Structures are given as C-alpha cells and as structure tokens.
PDB file of N, CA and C in Angstrom:
ATOM      1  N   ALA A   1      35.999  12.843  16.514  1.00  0.00           N
ATOM      2  CA  ALA A   1      35.409  13.788  15.572  1.00  0.00           C
ATOM      3  C   ALA A   1      36.461  14.224  14.549  1.00  0.00           C
ATOM      4  N   GLN A   2      35.997  14.345  13.327  1.00  0.00           N
ATOM      5  CA  GLN A   2      36.889  14.777  12.248  1.00  0.00           C
ATOM      6  C   GLN A   2      37.099  16.286  12.313  1.00  0.00           C
ATOM      7  N   GLN A   3      38.263  16.705  11.873  1.00  0.00           N
ATOM      8  CA  GLN A   3      38.572  18.125  11.786  1.00  0.00           C
ATOM      9  C   GLN A   3      37.818  18.722  10.596  1.00  0.00           C
ATOM     10  N   PRO A   4      37.209  19.895  10.762  1.00  0.00           N
ATOM     11  CA  PRO A   4      36.557  20.556   9.626  1.00  0.00           C
ATOM     12  C   PRO A   4      37.540  20.751   8.477  1.00  0.00           C
ATOM     13  N   GLY A   5      37.086  20.450   7.278  1.00  0.00           N
ATOM     14  CA  GLY A   5      37.927  20.616   6.095  1.00  0.00           C
ATOM     15  C   GLY A   5      38.708  19.377   5.701  1.00  0.00           C
ATOM     16  N   THR A   6      38.682  18.331   6.539  1.00  0.00           N
ATOM     17  CA  THR A   6      39.389  17.100   6.186  1.00  0.00           C
ATOM     18  C   THR A   6      38.462  16.209   5.370  1.00  0.00           C
ATOM     19  N   PRO A   7      39.030  15.344   4.528  1.00  0.00           N
ATOM     20  CA  PRO A   7      38.179  14.468   3.715  1.00  0.00           C
ATOM     21  C   PRO A   7      37.452  13.439   4.577  1.00  0.00           C
ATOM     22  N   LEU A   8      36.386  12.916   4.020  1.00  0.00           N
ATOM     23  CA  LEU A   8      35.627  11.864   4.701  1.00  0.00           C
ATOM     24  C   LEU A   8      36.448  10.585   4.778  1.00  0.00           C
ATOM     25  N   SER A   9      36.162   9.786   5.780  1.00  0.00           N
ATOM     26  CA  SER A   9      36.789   8.465   5.868  1.00  0.00           C
ATOM     27  C   SER A   9      36.171   7.566   4.801  1.00  0.00           C
ATOM     28  N   ASP A  10      36.765   6.392   4.589  1.00  0.00           N
ATOM     29  CA  ASP A  10      36.214   5.454   3.611  1.00  0.00           C
ATOM     30  C   ASP A  10      34.769   5.102   3.951  1.00  0.00           C
ATOM     31  N   GLN A  11      34.490   4.854   5.212  1.00  0.00           N
ATOM     32  CA  GLN A  11      33.124   4.519   5.638  1.00  0.00           C
ATOM     33  C   GLN A  11      32.180   5.703   5.430  1.00  0.00           C
ATOM     34  N   GLU A  12      32.640   6.911   5.738  1.00  0.00           N
ATOM     35  CA  GLU A  12      31.810   8.105   5.543  1.00  0.00           C
ATOM     36  C   GLU A  12      31.518   8.332   4.065  1.00  0.00           C
ATOM     37  N   TYR A  13      32.505   8.095   3.196  1.00  0.00           N
ATOM     38  CA  TYR A  13      32.272   8.215   1.758  1.00  0.00           C
ATOM     39  C   TYR A  13      31.240   7.195   1.297  1.00  0.00           C
ATOM     40  N   HIS A  14      31.334   5.985   1.795  1.00  0.00           N
ATOM     41  CA  HIS A  14      30.379   4.945   1.437  1.00  0.00           C
ATOM     42  C   HIS A  14      28.954   5.385   1.813  1.00  0.00           C
ATOM     43  N   GLN A  15      28.770   5.884   3.020  1.00  0.00           N
ATOM     44  CA  GLN A  15      27.449   6.335   3.462  1.00  0.00           C
ATOM     45  C   GLN A  15      26.969   7.532   2.639  1.00  0.00           C
ATOM     46  N   PHE A  16      27.876   8.462   2.352  1.00  0.00           N
ATOM     47  CA  PHE A  16      27.533   9.651   1.585  1.00  0.00           C
ATOM     48  C   PHE A  16      27.011   9.280   0.198  1.00  0.00           C
ATOM     49  N   PHE A  17      27.752   8.418  -0.507  1.00  0.00           N
ATOM     50  CA  PHE A  17      27.351   8.062  -1.864  1.00  0.00           C
ATOM     51  C   PHE A  17      26.157   7.114  -1.874  1.00  0.00           C
ATOM     52  N   LYS A  18      26.017   6.289  -0.851  1.00  0.00           N
ATOM     53  CA  LYS A  18      24.828   5.438  -0.743  1.00  0.00           C
ATOM     54  C   LYS A  18      23.587   6.320  -0.631  1.00  0.00           C
ATOM     55  N   PHE A  19      23.641   7.332   0.220  1.00  0.00           N
ATOM     56  CA  PHE A  19      22.520   8.262   0.379  1.00  0.00           C
ATOM     57  C   PHE A  19      22.258   9.008  -0.926  1.00  0.00           C
ATOM     58  N   LEU A  20      23.312   9.455  -1.581  1.00  0.00           N
ATOM     59  CA  LEU A  20      23.179  10.203  -2.825  1.00  0.00           C
ATOM     60  C   LEU A  20      22.528   9.349  -3.908  1.00  0.00           C
ATOM     61  N   ARG A  21      22.972   8.089  -4.035  1.00  0.00           N
ATOM     62  CA  ARG A  21      22.381   7.189  -5.043  1.00  0.00           C
ATOM     63  C   ARG A  21      20.898   6.962  -4.759  1.00  0.00           C
ATOM     64  N   ILE A  22      20.548   6.724  -3.505  1.00  0.00           N
ATOM     65  CA  ILE A  22      19.148   6.489  -3.136  1.00  0.00           C
ATOM     66  C   ILE A  22      18.317   7.723  -3.453  1.00  0.00           C
ATOM     67  N   THR A  23      18.810   8.887  -3.086  1.00  0.00           N
ATOM     68  CA  THR A  23      18.069  10.131  -3.313  1.00  0.00           C
ATOM     69  C   THR A  23      17.840  10.369  -4.794  1.00  0.00           C
ATOM     70  N   ILE A  24      18.866  10.138  -5.610  1.00  0.00           N
ATOM     71  CA  ILE A  24      18.721  10.338  -7.057  1.00  0.00           C
ATOM     72  C   ILE A  24      17.717   9.343  -7.634  1.00  0.00           C
ATOM     73  N   GLN A  25      17.767   8.098  -7.201  1.00  0.00           N
ATOM     74  CA  GLN A  25      16.839   7.084  -7.700  1.00  0.00           C
ATOM     75  C   GLN A  25      15.408   7.416  -7.310  1.00  0.00           C
ATOM     76  N   VAL A  26      15.195   7.821  -6.069  1.00  0.00           N
ATOM     77  CA  VAL A  26      13.852   8.168  -5.616  1.00  0.00           C
ATOM     78  C   VAL A  26      13.349   9.386  -6.366  1.00  0.00           C
ATOM     79  N   SER A  27      14.208  10.363  -6.543  1.00  0.00           N
ATOM     80  CA  SER A  27      13.831  11.567  -7.270  1.00  0.00           C
ATOM     81  C   SER A  27      13.443  11.231  -8.710  1.00  0.00           C
ATOM     82  N   THR A  28      14.174  10.327  -9.344  1.00  0.00           N
ATOM     83  CA  THR A  28      13.857   9.909 -10.711  1.00  0.00           C
ATOM     84  C   THR A  28      12.511   9.198 -10.756  1.00  0.00           C
ATOM     85  N   ALA A  29      12.244   8.319  -9.815  1.00  0.00           N
ATOM     86  CA  ALA A  29      10.957   7.616  -9.763  1.00  0.00           C
ATOM     87  C   ALA A  29       9.818   8.615  -9.569  1.00  0.00           C
ATOM     88  N   CYS A  30      10.016   9.610  -8.726  1.00  0.00           N
ATOM     89  CA  CYS A  30       8.979  10.627  -8.511  1.00  0.00           C
ATOM     90  C   CYS A  30       8.754  11.448  -9.777  1.00  0.00           C
ATOM     91  N   HIS A  31       9.835  11.756 -10.464  1.00  0.00           N
ATOM     92  CA  HIS A  31       9.707  12.516 -11.707  1.00  0.00           C
ATOM     93  C   HIS A  31       8.903  11.718 -12.740  1.00  0.00           C
ATOM     94  N   LEU A  32       9.175  10.427 -12.854  1.00  0.00           N
ATOM     95  CA  LEU A  32       8.396   9.570 -13.762  1.00  0.00           C
ATOM     96  C   LEU A  32       6.920   9.567 -13.372  1.00  0.00           C
ATOM     97  N   ARG A  33       6.643   9.453 -12.085  1.00  0.00           N
ATOM     98  CA  ARG A  33       5.255   9.444 -11.594  1.00  0.00           C
ATOM     99  C   ARG A  33       4.547  10.746 -11.946  1.00  0.00           C
ATOM    100  N   GLU A  34       5.240  11.866 -11.752  1.00  0.00           N
ATOM    101  CA  GLU A  34       4.643  13.166 -12.051  1.00  0.00           C
ATOM    102  C   GLU A  34       4.417  13.353 -13.547  1.00  0.00           C
ATOM    103  N   LEU A  35       5.352  12.857 -14.368  1.00  0.00           N
ATOM    104  CA  LEU A  35       5.227  13.014 -15.825  1.00  0.00           C
ATOM    105  C   LEU A  35       4.162  12.104 -16.431  1.00  0.00           C
ATOM    106  N   TYR A  36       4.148  10.832 -16.015  1.00  0.00           N
ATOM    107  CA  TYR A  36       3.339   9.841 -16.704  1.00  0.00           C
ATOM    108  C   TYR A  36       2.142   9.326 -15.910  1.00  0.00           C
ATOM    109  N   GLY A  37       2.108   9.593 -14.619  1.00  0.00           N
ATOM    110  CA  GLY A  37       0.988   9.145 -13.807  1.00  0.00           C
ATOM    111  C   GLY A  37       1.115   7.684 -13.414  1.00  0.00           C
ATOM    112  N   CYS A  38       0.197   7.251 -12.594  1.00  0.00           N
ATOM    113  CA  CYS A  38       0.255   5.905 -12.019  1.00  0.00           C
ATOM    114  C   CYS A  38      -0.166   4.806 -12.979  1.00  0.00           C
ATOM    115  N   LYS A  39      -0.742   5.153 -14.086  1.00  0.00           N
ATOM    116  CA  LYS A  39      -1.161   4.135 -15.057  1.00  0.00           C
ATOM    117  C   LYS A  39      -0.004   3.698 -15.950  1.00  0.00           C
ATOM    118  N   ASN A  40       1.100   4.399 -15.903  1.00  0.00           N
ATOM    119  CA  ASN A  40       2.275   4.057 -16.688  1.00  0.00           C
ATOM    120  C   ASN A  40       2.822   2.711 -16.225  1.00  0.00           C
ATOM    121  N   SER A  41       3.182   1.856 -17.167  1.00  0.00           N
ATOM    122  CA  SER A  41       3.610   0.501 -16.818  1.00  0.00           C
ATOM    123  C   SER A  41       4.887   0.489 -15.971  1.00  0.00           C
ATOM    124  N   LEU A  42       5.827   1.399 -16.228  1.00  0.00           N
ATOM    125  CA  LEU A  42       7.045   1.449 -15.431  1.00  0.00           C
ATOM    126  C   LEU A  42       6.729   1.883 -13.996  1.00  0.00           C
ATOM    127  N   VAL A  43       5.888   2.876 -13.852  1.00  0.00           N
ATOM    128  CA  VAL A  43       5.486   3.340 -12.521  1.00  0.00           C
ATOM    129  C   VAL A  43       4.759   2.221 -11.782  1.00  0.00           C
ATOM    130  N   GLN A  44       3.889   1.508 -12.472  1.00  0.00           N
ATOM    131  CA  GLN A  44       3.181   0.386 -11.839  1.00  0.00           C
ATOM    132  C   GLN A  44       4.151  -0.708 -11.412  1.00  0.00           C
ATOM    133  N   ARG A  45       5.168  -0.984 -12.220  1.00  0.00           N
ATOM    134  CA  ARG A  45       6.160  -1.994 -11.834  1.00  0.00           C
ATOM    135  C   ARG A  45       6.942  -1.561 -10.597  1.00  0.00           C
ATOM    136  N   LEU A  46       7.272  -0.281 -10.503  1.00  0.00           N
ATOM    137  CA  LEU A  46       7.939   0.226  -9.311  1.00  0.00           C
ATOM    138  C   LEU A  46       7.046   0.078  -8.079  1.00  0.00           C
ATOM    139  N   ASP A  47       5.755   0.403  -8.232  1.00  0.00           N
ATOM    140  CA  ASP A  47       4.811   0.260  -7.117  1.00  0.00           C
ATOM    141  C   ASP A  47       4.658  -1.202  -6.706  1.00  0.00           C
ATOM    142  N   GLU A  48       4.609  -2.084  -7.684  1.00  0.00           N
ATOM    143  CA  GLU A  48       4.517  -3.516  -7.383  1.00  0.00           C
ATOM    144  C   GLU A  48       5.784  -3.997  -6.673  1.00  0.00           C
ATOM    145  N   TYR A  49       6.926  -3.547  -7.147  1.00  0.00           N
ATOM    146  CA  TYR A  49       8.191  -3.948  -6.523  1.00  0.00           C
ATOM    147  C   TYR A  49       8.227  -3.500  -5.061  1.00  0.00           C
ATOM    148  N   GLU A  50       7.761  -2.290  -4.812  1.00  0.00           N
ATOM    149  CA  GLU A  50       7.761  -1.754  -3.444  1.00  0.00           C
ATOM    150  C   GLU A  50       6.819  -2.531  -2.532  1.00  0.00           C
ATOM    151  N   ASN A  51       5.816  -3.177  -3.109  1.00  0.00           N
ATOM    152  CA  ASN A  51       4.797  -3.865  -2.319  1.00  0.00           C
ATOM    153  C   ASN A  51       4.778  -5.375  -2.549  1.00  0.00           C
ATOM    154  N   HIS A  52       5.943  -5.944  -2.789  1.00  0.00           N
ATOM    155  CA  HIS A  52       6.099  -7.397  -2.965  1.00  0.00           C
ATOM    156  C   HIS A  52       5.171  -7.967  -4.038  1.00  0.00           C
ATOM    157  N   GLY A  53       5.057  -7.268  -5.152  1.00  0.00           N
ATOM    158  CA  GLY A  53       4.375  -7.808  -6.316  1.00  0.00           C
ATOM    159  C   GLY A  53       2.929  -7.403  -6.511  1.00  0.00           C
ATOM    160  N   VAL A  54       2.326  -6.734  -5.535  1.00  0.00           N
ATOM    161  CA  VAL A  54       0.919  -6.345  -5.658  1.00  0.00           C
ATOM    162  C   VAL A  54       0.754  -4.903  -5.194  1.00  0.00           C
ATOM    163  N   ILE A  55       0.097  -4.079  -6.009  1.00  0.00           N
ATOM    164  CA  ILE A  55      -0.211  -2.711  -5.596  1.00  0.00           C
ATOM    165  C   ILE A  55      -1.425  -2.789  -4.674  1.00  0.00           C
ATOM    166  N   PRO A  56      -1.286  -2.337  -3.416  1.00  0.00           N
ATOM    167  CA  PRO A  56      -2.405  -2.469  -2.482  1.00  0.00           C
ATOM    168  C   PRO A  56      -3.597  -1.602  -2.885  1.00  0.00           C
ATOM    169  N   PRO A  57      -4.800  -2.149  -2.699  1.00  0.00           N
ATOM    170  CA  PRO A  57      -5.987  -1.342  -2.974  1.00  0.00           C
ATOM    171  C   PRO A  57      -6.167  -0.301  -1.854  1.00  0.00           C
ATOM    172  N   GLY A  58      -6.942   0.712  -2.113  1.00  0.00           N
ATOM    173  CA  GLY A  58      -7.178   1.743  -1.104  1.00  0.00           C
ATOM    174  C   GLY A  58      -8.294   1.350  -0.168  1.00  0.00           C
ATOM    175  N   PRO A  59      -8.519   2.096   0.858  1.00  0.00           N
ATOM    176  CA  PRO A  59      -7.713   3.242   1.252  1.00  0.00           C
ATOM    177  C   PRO A  59      -6.392   2.810   1.879  1.00  0.00           C
ATOM    178  N   ILE A  60      -5.420   3.699   1.834  1.00  0.00           N
ATOM    179  CA  ILE A  60      -4.086   3.448   2.361  1.00  0.00           C
ATOM    180  C   ILE A  60      -3.910   4.288   3.626  1.00  0.00           C
ATOM    181  N   CYS A  61      -3.545   3.640   4.709  1.00  0.00           N
ATOM    182  CA  CYS A  61      -3.240   4.343   5.954  1.00  0.00           C
ATOM    183  C   CYS A  61      -1.731   4.462   6.072  1.00  0.00           C
ATOM    184  N   SER A  62      -1.258   5.609   6.525  1.00  0.00           N
ATOM    185  CA  SER A  62       0.182   5.839   6.603  1.00  0.00           C
ATOM    186  C   SER A  62       0.639   5.950   8.048  1.00  0.00           C
ATOM    187  N   GLU A  63       1.966   6.012   8.210  1.00  0.00           N
ATOM    188  CA  GLU A  63       2.572   6.192   9.529  1.00  0.00           C
ATOM    189  C   GLU A  63       2.512   7.646   9.987  1.00  0.00           C
ATOM    190  N   LEU A  64       1.928   8.512   9.186  1.00  0.00           N
ATOM    191  CA  LEU A  64       1.847   9.925   9.563  1.00  0.00           C
ATOM    192  C   LEU A  64       1.005  10.095  10.821  1.00  0.00           C
ATOM    193  N   PRO A  65       1.422  10.957  11.736  1.00  0.00           N
ATOM    194  CA  PRO A  65       0.576  11.225  12.903  1.00  0.00           C
ATOM    195  C   PRO A  65      -0.710  11.920  12.468  1.00  0.00           C
ATOM    196  N   GLY A  66      -1.765  11.669  13.152  1.00  0.00           N
ATOM    197  CA  GLY A  66      -3.023  12.317  12.808  1.00  0.00           C
ATOM    198  C   GLY A  66      -3.930  11.467  11.941  1.00  0.00           C
ATOM    199  N   ASN A  67      -3.645  10.167  11.841  1.00  0.00           N
ATOM    200  CA  ASN A  67      -4.530   9.240  11.139  1.00  0.00           C
ATOM    201  C   ASN A  67      -4.726   9.592   9.667  1.00  0.00           C
ATOM    202  N   HIS A  68      -3.662   9.906   8.957  1.00  0.00           N
ATOM    203  CA  HIS A  68      -3.754  10.237   7.531  1.00  0.00           C
ATOM    204  C   HIS A  68      -4.030   8.984   6.702  1.00  0.00           C
ATOM    205  N   PHE A  69      -4.984   9.116   5.785  1.00  0.00           N
ATOM    206  CA  PHE A  69      -5.210   8.023   4.845  1.00  0.00           C
ATOM    207  C   PHE A  69      -5.348   8.605   3.446  1.00  0.00           C
ATOM    208  N   PHE A  70      -5.125   7.737   2.466  1.00  0.00           N
ATOM    209  CA  PHE A  70      -5.153   8.132   1.059  1.00  0.00           C
ATOM    210  C   PHE A  70      -6.086   7.178   0.329  1.00  0.00           C
ATOM    211  N   HIS A  71      -6.731   7.653  -0.720  1.00  0.00           N
ATOM    212  CA  HIS A  71      -7.712   6.843  -1.448  1.00  0.00           C
ATOM    213  C   HIS A  71      -7.098   5.627  -2.120  1.00  0.00           C
ATOM    214  N   ASN A  72      -5.841   5.744  -2.540  1.00  0.00           N
ATOM    215  CA  ASN A  72      -5.167   4.615  -3.185  1.00  0.00           C
ATOM    216  C   ASN A  72      -3.657   4.778  -3.048  1.00  0.00           C
ATOM    217  N   PHE A  73      -2.925   3.776  -3.484  1.00  0.00           N
ATOM    218  CA  PHE A  73      -1.472   3.804  -3.342  1.00  0.00           C
ATOM    219  C   PHE A  73      -0.849   4.906  -4.204  1.00  0.00           C
ATOM    220  N   CYS A  74      -1.453   5.170  -5.338  1.00  0.00           N
ATOM    221  CA  CYS A  74      -0.954   6.213  -6.226  1.00  0.00           C
ATOM    222  C   CYS A  74      -0.981   7.570  -5.525  1.00  0.00           C
ATOM    223  N   THR A  75      -2.082   7.890  -4.878  1.00  0.00           N
ATOM    224  CA  THR A  75      -2.209   9.159  -4.165  1.00  0.00           C
ATOM    225  C   THR A  75      -1.186   9.236  -3.038  1.00  0.00           C
ATOM    226  N   PHE A  76      -1.010   8.126  -2.329  1.00  0.00           N
ATOM    227  CA  PHE A  76      -0.021   8.064  -1.251  1.00  0.00           C
ATOM    228  C   PHE A  76       1.386   8.297  -1.797  1.00  0.00           C
ATOM    229  N   SER A  77       1.732   7.639  -2.884  1.00  0.00           N
ATOM    230  CA  SER A  77       3.063   7.784  -3.474  1.00  0.00           C
ATOM    231  C   SER A  77       3.301   9.196  -3.985  1.00  0.00           C
ATOM    232  N   LEU A  78       2.292   9.780  -4.579  1.00  0.00           N
ATOM    233  CA  LEU A  78       2.417  11.152  -5.062  1.00  0.00           C
ATOM    234  C   LEU A  78       2.626  12.105  -3.879  1.00  0.00           C
ATOM    235  N   TYR A  79       1.928  11.873  -2.782  1.00  0.00           N
ATOM    236  CA  TYR A  79       2.106  12.686  -1.574  1.00  0.00           C
ATOM    237  C   TYR A  79       3.556  12.598  -1.086  1.00  0.00           C
ATOM    238  N   ARG A  80       4.105  11.379  -1.067  1.00  0.00           N
ATOM    239  CA  ARG A  80       5.499  11.213  -0.636  1.00  0.00           C
ATOM    240  C   ARG A  80       6.439  12.003  -1.533  1.00  0.00           C
ATOM    241  N   CYS A  81       6.166  11.983  -2.837  1.00  0.00           N
ATOM    242  CA  CYS A  81       7.031  12.706  -3.777  1.00  0.00           C
ATOM    243  C   CYS A  81       6.948  14.220  -3.547  1.00  0.00           C
ATOM    244  N   ILE A  82       5.737  14.721  -3.408  1.00  0.00           N
ATOM    245  CA  ILE A  82       5.545  16.166  -3.256  1.00  0.00           C
ATOM    246  C   ILE A  82       6.166  16.670  -1.968  1.00  0.00           C
ATOM    247  N   THR A  83       6.003  15.912  -0.886  1.00  0.00           N
ATOM    248  CA  THR A  83       6.510  16.352   0.418  1.00  0.00           C
ATOM    249  C   THR A  83       7.948  15.908   0.679  1.00  0.00           C
ATOM    250  N   LYS A  84       8.507  15.114  -0.242  1.00  0.00           N
ATOM    251  CA  LYS A  84       9.866  14.570  -0.108  1.00  0.00           C
ATOM    252  C   LYS A  84      10.027  13.713   1.151  1.00  0.00           C
ATOM    253  N   LYS A  85       8.950  13.024   1.528  1.00  0.00           N
ATOM    254  CA  LYS A  85       8.983  12.045   2.622  1.00  0.00           C
ATOM    255  C   LYS A  85       9.028  10.669   1.979  1.00  0.00           C
ATOM    256  N   TYR A  86      10.135  10.411   1.280  1.00  0.00           N
ATOM    257  CA  TYR A  86      10.259   9.244   0.429  1.00  0.00           C
ATOM    258  C   TYR A  86      10.120   7.919   1.165  1.00  0.00           C
ATOM    259  N   PHE A  87      10.537   7.875   2.390  1.00  0.00           N
ATOM    260  CA  PHE A  87      10.582   6.586   3.085  1.00  0.00           C
ATOM    261  C   PHE A  87       9.418   6.401   4.051  1.00  0.00           C
ATOM    262  N   LEU A  88       8.386   7.205   3.902  1.00  0.00           N
ATOM    263  CA  LEU A  88       7.168   7.048   4.685  1.00  0.00           C
ATOM    264  C   LEU A  88       6.484   5.763   4.256  1.00  0.00           C
ATOM    265  N   LYS A  89       6.042   4.954   5.215  1.00  0.00           N
ATOM    266  CA  LYS A  89       5.429   3.667   4.898  1.00  0.00           C
ATOM    267  C   LYS A  89       3.948   3.660   5.181  1.00  0.00           C
ATOM    268  N   VAL A  90       3.292   2.647   4.598  1.00  0.00           N
ATOM    269  CA  VAL A  90       1.864   2.442   4.836  1.00  0.00           C
ATOM    270  C   VAL A  90       1.671   1.535   6.025  1.00  0.00           C
TER     271      VAL A  90
END
C-alpha cells in the first residue's frame, strides 16, 4: 500500500489518466446528445460505432435489474447520460 500523500506509481498514473480521458469523452458525447438530439449525424455515427455499424431498433433491453426496456437506442443512451451509467449495456 502506498503512503498517503505520495505520488502515484507509473501504472497508477496510467490508470488515472485513462479513466479521466474516458470520462471526458463520454461526458462530451452525452453533451452532444443533449444539445442536438439523436437525429444529429455525429450522434448517429457515435451510436453506430458503439453498435458495430448499425443502430439497433427498439425496444432495447438493458442489463439493469428489474427488466428495464427502452423504446429505442436513443432513449437508452439518453438514460445512460442522465444517470451517468455510461457503461451500461443492452
């Protein structure tokens, strides 16, 4: 265990900044979704990229307990942004 107040190791710094970069990127994608909606071409390209080239039609079932489903991928993605459950999958 590291002593409190000591700098992170090289590996710890790598993990820290990897997490930070991912969080900033996800936050930016969510901000675009909130500003422009799912019909925006950039948002659609992000959704396609996340789903191997095709935005899945609805309804969308998620890994959430309680059998949660969403009418379409856009609604599901917006839910992830609002709740900050960025890595929740369908």
